[in-house]
Amino acid sequence: MAEQGSSNRIQEHGNSGTQQRGNQHRQQGGQLSKMAQGESDQMQQMGEMGSDMINYLTEYTKQNPGYAALWCLGIGFVLGWKLKPW
């Protein structure tokens, strides 16, 4: 009979430790999901910024085609000069 009492106490103690670990994992999971949500929002903002930049450059090239062509030529020259294969 004494053995059953001690084994029950061991099981109860083991279960409380398991519950504590489970609570810790749930808390960590909540923190990770909040971090993932923050990263998702940040990626969405970056996507919107990129989209806005493309729209701005498209409008600029429509309004100033000569300057846009000169910019492309200059950027191409510098890239070609710096990235030459030899």
PDB file of N, CA and C in Angstrom:
ATOM      1  N   MET A   1       0.816  -1.182   0.000  1.00  0.00           N
ATOM      2  CA  MET A   1       0.000   0.000   0.000  1.00  0.00           C
ATOM      3  C   MET A   1       0.869   1.258   0.000  1.00  0.00           C
ATOM      4  N   ALA A   2       1.957   1.198   0.711  1.00  0.00           N
ATOM      5  CA  ALA A   2       2.865   2.342   0.766  1.00  0.00           C
ATOM      6  C   ALA A   2       3.495   2.581  -0.591  1.00  0.00           C
ATOM      7  N   GLU A   3       3.714   1.511  -1.323  1.00  0.00           N
ATOM      8  CA  GLU A   3       4.303   1.663  -2.645  1.00  0.00           C
ATOM      9  C   GLU A   3       3.355   2.390  -3.584  1.00  0.00           C
ATOM     10  N   GLN A   4       2.069   2.119  -3.474  1.00  0.00           N
ATOM     11  CA  GLN A   4       1.102   2.790  -4.346  1.00  0.00           C
ATOM     12  C   GLN A   4       1.048   4.277  -4.038  1.00  0.00           C
ATOM     13  N   GLY A   5       1.108   4.641  -2.771  1.00  0.00           N
ATOM     14  CA  GLY A   5       1.078   6.054  -2.387  1.00  0.00           C
ATOM     15  C   GLY A   5       2.276   6.800  -2.930  1.00  0.00           C
ATOM     16  N   SER A   6       3.454   6.191  -2.855  1.00  0.00           N
ATOM     17  CA  SER A   6       4.659   6.862  -3.346  1.00  0.00           C
ATOM     18  C   SER A   6       4.649   6.943  -4.867  1.00  0.00           C
ATOM     19  N   SER A   7       4.129   5.889  -5.526  1.00  0.00           N
ATOM     20  CA  SER A   7       4.073   5.951  -6.986  1.00  0.00           C
ATOM     21  C   SER A   7       3.071   6.993  -7.456  1.00  0.00           C
ATOM     22  N   ASN A   8       1.967   7.190  -6.718  1.00  0.00           N
ATOM     23  CA  ASN A   8       0.996   8.241  -7.069  1.00  0.00           C
ATOM     24  C   ASN A   8       1.629   9.618  -6.937  1.00  0.00           C
ATOM     25  N   ARG A   9       2.418   9.801  -5.856  1.00  0.00           N
ATOM     26  CA  ARG A   9       3.078  11.098  -5.687  1.00  0.00           C
ATOM     27  C   ARG A   9       4.087  11.349  -6.798  1.00  0.00           C
ATOM     28  N   ILE A  10       4.778  10.325  -7.232  1.00  0.00           N
ATOM     29  CA  ILE A  10       5.739  10.464  -8.329  1.00  0.00           C
ATOM     30  C   ILE A  10       5.015  10.812  -9.616  1.00  0.00           C
ATOM     31  N   GLN A  11       3.883  10.166  -9.872  1.00  0.00           N
ATOM     32  CA  GLN A  11       3.115  10.461 -11.083  1.00  0.00           C
ATOM     33  C   GLN A  11       2.577  11.880 -11.047  1.00  0.00           C
ATOM     34  N   GLU A  12       2.067  12.309  -9.875  1.00  0.00           N
ATOM     35  CA  GLU A  12       1.541  13.666  -9.755  1.00  0.00           C
ATOM     36  C   GLU A  12       2.649  14.687  -9.991  1.00  0.00           C
ATOM     37  N   HIS A  13       3.803  14.418  -9.400  1.00  0.00           N
ATOM     38  CA  HIS A  13       4.937  15.326  -9.576  1.00  0.00           C
ATOM     39  C   HIS A  13       5.375  15.353 -11.041  1.00  0.00           C
ATOM     40  N   GLY A  14       5.400  14.199 -11.672  1.00  0.00           N
ATOM     41  CA  GLY A  14       5.770  14.122 -13.085  1.00  0.00           C
ATOM     42  C   GLY A  14       4.781  14.854 -13.968  1.00  0.00           C
ATOM     43  N   ASN A  15       3.492  14.745 -13.657  1.00  0.00           N
ATOM     44  CA  ASN A  15       2.468  15.422 -14.451  1.00  0.00           C
ATOM     45  C   ASN A  15       2.560  16.934 -14.308  1.00  0.00           C
ATOM     46  N   SER A  16       2.858  17.429 -13.098  1.00  0.00           N
ATOM     47  CA  SER A  16       2.955  18.878 -12.919  1.00  0.00           C
ATOM     48  C   SER A  16       4.140  19.430 -13.708  1.00  0.00           C
ATOM     49  N   GLY A  17       5.239  18.694 -13.756  1.00  0.00           N
ATOM     50  CA  GLY A  17       6.389  19.128 -14.555  1.00  0.00           C
ATOM     51  C   GLY A  17       6.060  19.136 -16.031  1.00  0.00           C
ATOM     52  N   THR A  18       5.304  18.134 -16.468  1.00  0.00           N
ATOM     53  CA  THR A  18       4.897  18.065 -17.869  1.00  0.00           C
ATOM     54  C   THR A  18       3.979  19.230 -18.208  1.00  0.00           C
ATOM     55  N   GLN A  19       3.081  19.564 -17.291  1.00  0.00           N
ATOM     56  CA  GLN A  19       2.172  20.681 -17.531  1.00  0.00           C
ATOM     57  C   GLN A  19       2.934  21.990 -17.601  1.00  0.00           C
ATOM     58  N   GLN A  20       3.931  22.149 -16.736  1.00  0.00           N
ATOM     59  CA  GLN A  20       4.726  23.378 -16.761  1.00  0.00           C
ATOM     60  C   GLN A  20       5.487  23.504 -18.075  1.00  0.00           C
ATOM     61  N   ARG A  21       6.064  22.398 -18.531  1.00  0.00           N
ATOM     62  CA  ARG A  21       6.779  22.439 -19.810  1.00  0.00           C
ATOM     63  C   ARG A  21       5.815  22.744 -20.950  1.00  0.00           C
ATOM     64  N   GLY A  22       4.605  22.176 -20.871  1.00  0.00           N
ATOM     65  CA  GLY A  22       3.609  22.449 -21.907  1.00  0.00           C
ATOM     66  C   GLY A  22       3.230  23.919 -21.929  1.00  0.00           C
ATOM     67  N   ASN A  23       3.071  24.513 -20.738  1.00  0.00           N
ATOM     68  CA  ASN A  23       2.748  25.940 -20.664  1.00  0.00           C
ATOM     69  C   ASN A  23       3.886  26.785 -21.229  1.00  0.00           C
ATOM     70  N   GLN A  24       5.122  26.398 -20.931  1.00  0.00           N
ATOM     71  CA  GLN A  24       6.266  27.139 -21.460  1.00  0.00           C
ATOM     72  C   GLN A  24       6.303  27.062 -22.982  1.00  0.00           C
ATOM     73  N   HIS A  25       6.031  25.887 -23.529  1.00  0.00           N
ATOM     74  CA  HIS A  25       6.035  25.733 -24.983  1.00  0.00           C
ATOM     75  C   HIS A  25       4.918  26.551 -25.619  1.00  0.00           C
ATOM     76  N   ARG A  26       3.762  26.600 -24.975  1.00  0.00           N
ATOM     77  CA  ARG A  26       2.661  27.409 -25.518  1.00  0.00           C
ATOM     78  C   ARG A  26       3.021  28.890 -25.509  1.00  0.00           C
ATOM     79  N   GLN A  27       3.665  29.348 -24.419  1.00  0.00           N
ATOM     80  CA  GLN A  27       4.064  30.751 -24.345  1.00  0.00           C
ATOM     81  C   GLN A  27       5.099  31.074 -25.416  1.00  0.00           C
ATOM     82  N   GLN A  28       6.067  30.189 -25.604  1.00  0.00           N
ATOM     83  CA  GLN A  28       7.087  30.403 -26.623  1.00  0.00           C
ATOM     84  C   GLN A  28       6.460  30.378 -28.007  1.00  0.00           C
ATOM     85  N   GLY A  29       5.508  29.489 -28.215  1.00  0.00           N
ATOM     86  CA  GLY A  29       4.819  29.426 -29.503  1.00  0.00           C
ATOM     87  C   GLY A  29       4.061  30.706 -29.788  1.00  0.00           C
ATOM     88  N   GLY A  30       3.444  31.287 -28.748  1.00  0.00           N
ATOM     89  CA  GLY A  30       2.739  32.553 -28.918  1.00  0.00           C
ATOM     90  C   GLY A  30       3.691  33.673 -29.279  1.00  0.00           C
ATOM     91  N   GLN A  31       4.870  33.672 -28.652  1.00  0.00           N
ATOM     92  CA  GLN A  31       5.863  34.694 -28.956  1.00  0.00           C
ATOM     93  C   GLN A  31       6.363  34.540 -30.384  1.00  0.00           C
ATOM     94  N   LEU A  32       6.574  33.298 -30.807  1.00  0.00           N
ATOM     95  CA  LEU A  32       7.043  33.066 -32.166  1.00  0.00           C
ATOM     96  C   LEU A  32       6.002  33.477 -33.186  1.00  0.00           C
ATOM     97  N   SER A  33       4.722  33.219 -32.897  1.00  0.00           N
ATOM     98  CA  SER A  33       3.686  33.600 -33.854  1.00  0.00           C
ATOM     99  C   SER A  33       3.579  35.116 -33.938  1.00  0.00           C
ATOM    100  N   LYS A  34       3.803  35.819 -32.815  1.00  0.00           N
ATOM    101  CA  LYS A  34       3.795  37.284 -32.848  1.00  0.00           C
ATOM    102  C   LYS A  34       4.960  37.800 -33.682  1.00  0.00           C
ATOM    103  N   MET A  35       6.127  37.158 -33.540  1.00  0.00           N
ATOM    104  CA  MET A  35       7.288  37.557 -34.330  1.00  0.00           C
ATOM    105  C   MET A  35       7.042  37.300 -35.806  1.00  0.00           C
ATOM    106  N   ALA A  36       6.451  36.162 -36.126  1.00  0.00           N
ATOM    107  CA  ALA A  36       6.164  35.836 -37.518  1.00  0.00           C
ATOM    108  C   ALA A  36       5.165  36.827 -38.091  1.00  0.00           C
ATOM    109  N   GLN A  37       4.176  37.229 -37.293  1.00  0.00           N
ATOM    110  CA  GLN A  37       3.189  38.207 -37.752  1.00  0.00           C
ATOM    111  C   GLN A  37       3.869  39.546 -38.014  1.00  0.00           C
ATOM    112  N   GLY A  38       4.797  39.942 -37.137  1.00  0.00           N
ATOM    113  CA  GLY A  38       5.527  41.197 -37.335  1.00  0.00           C
ATOM    114  C   GLY A  38       6.369  41.153 -38.592  1.00  0.00           C
ATOM    115  N   GLU A  39       7.016  40.023 -38.845  1.00  0.00           N
ATOM    116  CA  GLU A  39       7.822  39.877 -40.058  1.00  0.00           C
ATOM    117  C   GLU A  39       6.940  39.892 -41.290  1.00  0.00           C
ATOM    118  N   SER A  40       5.765  39.306 -41.192  1.00  0.00           N
ATOM    119  CA  SER A  40       4.830  39.293 -42.316  1.00  0.00           C
ATOM    120  C   SER A  40       4.383  40.716 -42.641  1.00  0.00           C
ATOM    121  N   ASP A  41       4.073  41.502 -41.596  1.00  0.00           N
ATOM    122  CA  ASP A  41       3.676  42.895 -41.811  1.00  0.00           C
ATOM    123  C   ASP A  41       4.814  43.692 -42.432  1.00  0.00           C
ATOM    124  N   GLN A  42       6.030  43.435 -41.982  1.00  0.00           N
ATOM    125  CA  GLN A  42       7.187  44.149 -42.515  1.00  0.00           C
ATOM    126  C   GLN A  42       7.406  43.799 -43.979  1.00  0.00           C
ATOM    127  N   MET A  43       7.246  42.527 -44.329  1.00  0.00           N
ATOM    128  CA  MET A  43       7.402  42.110 -45.726  1.00  0.00           C
ATOM    129  C   MET A  43       6.321  42.745 -46.594  1.00  0.00           C
ATOM    130  N   GLN A  44       5.112  42.866 -46.069  1.00  0.00           N
ATOM    131  CA  GLN A  44       4.035  43.485 -46.821  1.00  0.00           C
ATOM    132  C   GLN A  44       4.346  44.960 -47.061  1.00  0.00           C
ATOM    133  N   GLN A  45       4.882  45.647 -46.055  1.00  0.00           N
ATOM    134  CA  GLN A  45       5.250  47.051 -46.221  1.00  0.00           C
ATOM    135  C   GLN A  45       6.361  47.206 -47.251  1.00  0.00           C
ATOM    136  N   MET A  46       7.330  46.294 -47.237  1.00  0.00           N
ATOM    137  CA  MET A  46       8.415  46.348 -48.220  1.00  0.00           C
ATOM    138  C   MET A  46       7.863  46.132 -49.624  1.00  0.00           C
ATOM    139  N   GLY A  47       6.921  45.223 -49.764  1.00  0.00           N
ATOM    140  CA  GLY A  47       6.302  44.978 -51.062  1.00  0.00           C
ATOM    141  C   GLY A  47       5.560  46.202 -51.568  1.00  0.00           C
ATOM    142  N   GLU A  48       4.866  46.888 -50.658  1.00  0.00           N
ATOM    143  CA  GLU A  48       4.156  48.110 -51.040  1.00  0.00           C
ATOM    144  C   GLU A  48       5.139  49.202 -51.445  1.00  0.00           C
ATOM    145  N   MET A  49       6.265  49.311 -50.730  1.00  0.00           N
ATOM    146  CA  MET A  49       7.268  50.315 -51.077  1.00  0.00           C
ATOM    147  C   MET A  49       7.852  50.034 -52.457  1.00  0.00           C
ATOM    148  N   GLY A  50       8.136  48.769 -52.747  1.00  0.00           N
ATOM    149  CA  GLY A  50       8.664  48.398 -54.057  1.00  0.00           C
ATOM    150  C   GLY A  50       7.667  48.693 -55.158  1.00  0.00           C
ATOM    151  N   SER A  51       6.413  48.391 -54.901  1.00  0.00           N
ATOM    152  CA  SER A  51       5.358  48.659 -55.875  1.00  0.00           C
ATOM    153  C   SER A  51       5.220  50.166 -56.133  1.00  0.00           C
ATOM    154  N   ASP A  52       5.277  50.959 -55.060  1.00  0.00           N
ATOM    155  CA  ASP A  52       5.198  52.415 -55.207  1.00  0.00           C
ATOM    156  C   ASP A  52       6.376  52.957 -56.007  1.00  0.00           C
ATOM    157  N   MET A  53       7.561  52.412 -55.772  1.00  0.00           N
ATOM    158  CA  MET A  53       8.760  52.862 -56.487  1.00  0.00           C
ATOM    159  C   MET A  53       8.645  52.547 -57.980  1.00  0.00           C
ATOM    160  N   ILE A  54       8.161  51.375 -58.304  1.00  0.00           N
ATOM    161  CA  ILE A  54       7.991  51.002 -59.716  1.00  0.00           C
ATOM    162  C   ILE A  54       6.973  51.918 -60.387  1.00  0.00           C
ATOM    163  N   ASN A  55       5.869  52.201 -59.694  1.00  0.00           N
ATOM    164  CA  ASN A  55       4.862  53.107 -60.255  1.00  0.00           C
ATOM    165  C   ASN A  55       5.447  54.503 -60.479  1.00  0.00           C
ATOM    166  N   TYR A  56       6.254  54.989 -59.520  1.00  0.00           N
ATOM    167  CA  TYR A  56       6.868  56.300 -59.664  1.00  0.00           C
ATOM    168  C   TYR A  56       7.820  56.339 -60.854  1.00  0.00           C
ATOM    169  N   LEU A  57       8.673  55.305 -60.974  1.00  0.00           N
ATOM    170  CA  LEU A  57       9.620  55.276 -62.084  1.00  0.00           C
ATOM    171  C   LEU A  57       8.904  55.158 -63.435  1.00  0.00           C
ATOM    172  N   THR A  58       7.817  54.425 -63.477  1.00  0.00           N
ATOM    173  CA  THR A  58       7.040  54.304 -64.722  1.00  0.00           C
ATOM    174  C   THR A  58       6.472  55.660 -65.132  1.00  0.00           C
ATOM    175  N   GLU A  59       5.917  56.376 -64.168  1.00  0.00           N
ATOM    176  CA  GLU A  59       5.375  57.716 -64.469  1.00  0.00           C
ATOM    177  C   GLU A  59       6.488  58.678 -64.877  1.00  0.00           C
ATOM    178  N   TYR A  60       7.637  58.607 -64.229  1.00  0.00           N
ATOM    179  CA  TYR A  60       8.761  59.481 -64.556  1.00  0.00           C
ATOM    180  C   TYR A  60       9.238  59.236 -65.985  1.00  0.00           C
ATOM    181  N   THR A  61       9.348  57.954 -66.370  1.00  0.00           N
ATOM    182  CA  THR A  61       9.819  57.661 -67.727  1.00  0.00           C
ATOM    183  C   THR A  61       8.812  58.085 -68.785  1.00  0.00           C
ATOM    184  N   LYS A  62       7.527  58.062 -68.436  1.00  0.00           N
ATOM    185  CA  LYS A  62       6.518  58.540 -69.389  1.00  0.00           C
ATOM    186  C   LYS A  62       6.607  60.051 -69.563  1.00  0.00           C
ATOM    187  N   GLN A  63       6.901  60.762 -68.482  1.00  0.00           N
ATOM    188  CA  GLN A  63       6.973  62.218 -68.538  1.00  0.00           C
ATOM    189  C   GLN A  63       8.327  62.711 -69.050  1.00  0.00           C
ATOM    190  N   ASN A  64       9.407  62.001 -68.828  1.00  0.00           N
ATOM    191  CA  ASN A  64      10.758  62.417 -69.202  1.00  0.00           C
ATOM    192  C   ASN A  64      11.502  61.268 -69.887  1.00  0.00           C
ATOM    193  N   PRO A  65      11.123  60.904 -71.096  1.00  0.00           N
ATOM    194  CA  PRO A  65      11.760  59.742 -71.726  1.00  0.00           C
ATOM    195  C   PRO A  65      13.242  59.960 -72.045  1.00  0.00           C
ATOM    196  N   GLY A  66      13.641  61.165 -72.372  1.00  0.00           N
ATOM    197  CA  GLY A  66      15.042  61.442 -72.694  1.00  0.00           C
ATOM    198  C   GLY A  66      15.942  61.258 -71.484  1.00  0.00           C
ATOM    199  N   TYR A  67      15.533  61.831 -70.363  1.00  0.00           N
ATOM    200  CA  TYR A  67      16.330  61.697 -69.152  1.00  0.00           C
ATOM    201  C   TYR A  67      16.382  60.231 -68.678  1.00  0.00           C
ATOM    202  N   ALA A  68      15.276  59.529 -68.801  1.00  0.00           N
ATOM    203  CA  ALA A  68      15.244  58.123 -68.403  1.00  0.00           C
ATOM    204  C   ALA A  68      16.218  57.307 -69.259  1.00  0.00           C
ATOM    205  N   ALA A  69      16.271  57.612 -70.567  1.00  0.00           N
ATOM    206  CA  ALA A  69      17.194  56.897 -71.457  1.00  0.00           C
ATOM    207  C   ALA A  69      18.639  57.202 -71.086  1.00  0.00           C
ATOM    208  N   LEU A  70      18.940  58.449 -70.743  1.00  0.00           N
ATOM    209  CA  LEU A  70      20.300  58.805 -70.329  1.00  0.00           C
ATOM    210  C   LEU A  70      20.691  58.114 -69.023  1.00  0.00           C
ATOM    211  N   TRP A  71      19.759  58.026 -68.087  1.00  0.00           N
ATOM    212  CA  TRP A  71      20.026  57.311 -66.842  1.00  0.00           C
ATOM    213  C   TRP A  71      20.344  55.847 -67.120  1.00  0.00           C
ATOM    214  N   CYS A  72      19.541  55.225 -67.966  1.00  0.00           N
ATOM    215  CA  CYS A  72      19.777  53.811 -68.305  1.00  0.00           C
ATOM    216  C   CYS A  72      21.135  53.635 -68.974  1.00  0.00           C
ATOM    217  N   LEU A  73      21.493  54.544 -69.884  1.00  0.00           N
ATOM    218  CA  LEU A  73      22.780  54.476 -70.559  1.00  0.00           C
ATOM    219  C   LEU A  73      23.926  54.630 -69.555  1.00  0.00           C
ATOM    220  N   GLY A  74      23.801  55.594 -68.662  1.00  0.00           N
ATOM    221  CA  GLY A  74      24.847  55.820 -67.656  1.00  0.00           C
ATOM    222  C   GLY A  74      24.992  54.643 -66.706  1.00  0.00           C
ATOM    223  N   ILE A  75      23.886  54.122 -66.239  1.00  0.00           N
ATOM    224  CA  ILE A  75      23.945  52.973 -65.330  1.00  0.00           C
ATOM    225  C   ILE A  75      24.529  51.756 -66.050  1.00  0.00           C
ATOM    226  N   GLY A  76      24.133  51.549 -67.299  1.00  0.00           N
ATOM    227  CA  GLY A  76      24.674  50.436 -68.075  1.00  0.00           C
ATOM    228  C   GLY A  76      26.161  50.582 -68.308  1.00  0.00           C
ATOM    229  N   PHE A  77      26.629  51.804 -68.566  1.00  0.00           N
ATOM    230  CA  PHE A  77      28.059  52.044 -68.770  1.00  0.00           C
ATOM    231  C   PHE A  77      28.858  51.716 -67.507  1.00  0.00           C
ATOM    232  N   VAL A  78      28.389  52.213 -66.363  1.00  0.00           N
ATOM    233  CA  VAL A  78      29.105  51.981 -65.110  1.00  0.00           C
ATOM    234  C   VAL A  78      29.104  50.498 -64.766  1.00  0.00           C
ATOM    235  N   LEU A  79      27.968  49.824 -64.903  1.00  0.00           N
ATOM    236  CA  LEU A  79      27.916  48.390 -64.611  1.00  0.00           C
ATOM    237  C   LEU A  79      28.812  47.595 -65.557  1.00  0.00           C
ATOM    238  N   GLY A  80      28.790  47.931 -66.840  1.00  0.00           N
ATOM    239  CA  GLY A  80      29.638  47.245 -67.805  1.00  0.00           C
ATOM    240  C   GLY A  80      31.117  47.464 -67.522  1.00  0.00           C
ATOM    241  N   TRP A  81      31.466  48.653 -67.102  1.00  0.00           N
ATOM    242  CA  TRP A  81      32.854  48.985 -66.816  1.00  0.00           C
ATOM    243  C   TRP A  81      33.330  48.243 -65.550  1.00  0.00           C
ATOM    244  N   LYS A  82      32.499  48.215 -64.500  1.00  0.00           N
ATOM    245  CA  LYS A  82      32.892  47.577 -63.248  1.00  0.00           C
ATOM    246  C   LYS A  82      32.798  46.056 -63.310  1.00  0.00           C
ATOM    247  N   LEU A  83      31.956  45.508 -64.136  1.00  0.00           N
ATOM    248  CA  LEU A  83      31.766  44.059 -64.194  1.00  0.00           C
ATOM    249  C   LEU A  83      32.392  43.416 -65.417  1.00  0.00           C
ATOM    250  N   LYS A  84      33.357  44.089 -66.023  1.00  0.00           N
ATOM    251  CA  LYS A  84      33.983  43.523 -67.216  1.00  0.00           C
ATOM    252  C   LYS A  84      34.648  42.182 -66.887  1.00  0.00           C
ATOM    253  N   PRO A  85      34.595  41.235 -67.788  1.00  0.00           N
ATOM    254  CA  PRO A  85      35.054  39.871 -67.472  1.00  0.00           C
ATOM    255  C   PRO A  85      36.566  39.710 -67.464  1.00  0.00           C
ATOM    256  N   TRP A  86      37.361  40.632 -67.950  1.00  0.00           N
ATOM    257  CA  TRP A  86      38.808  40.403 -67.965  1.00  0.00           C
ATOM    258  C   TRP A  86      39.537  41.170 -66.915  1.00  0.00           C
TER     259      TRP A  86
END
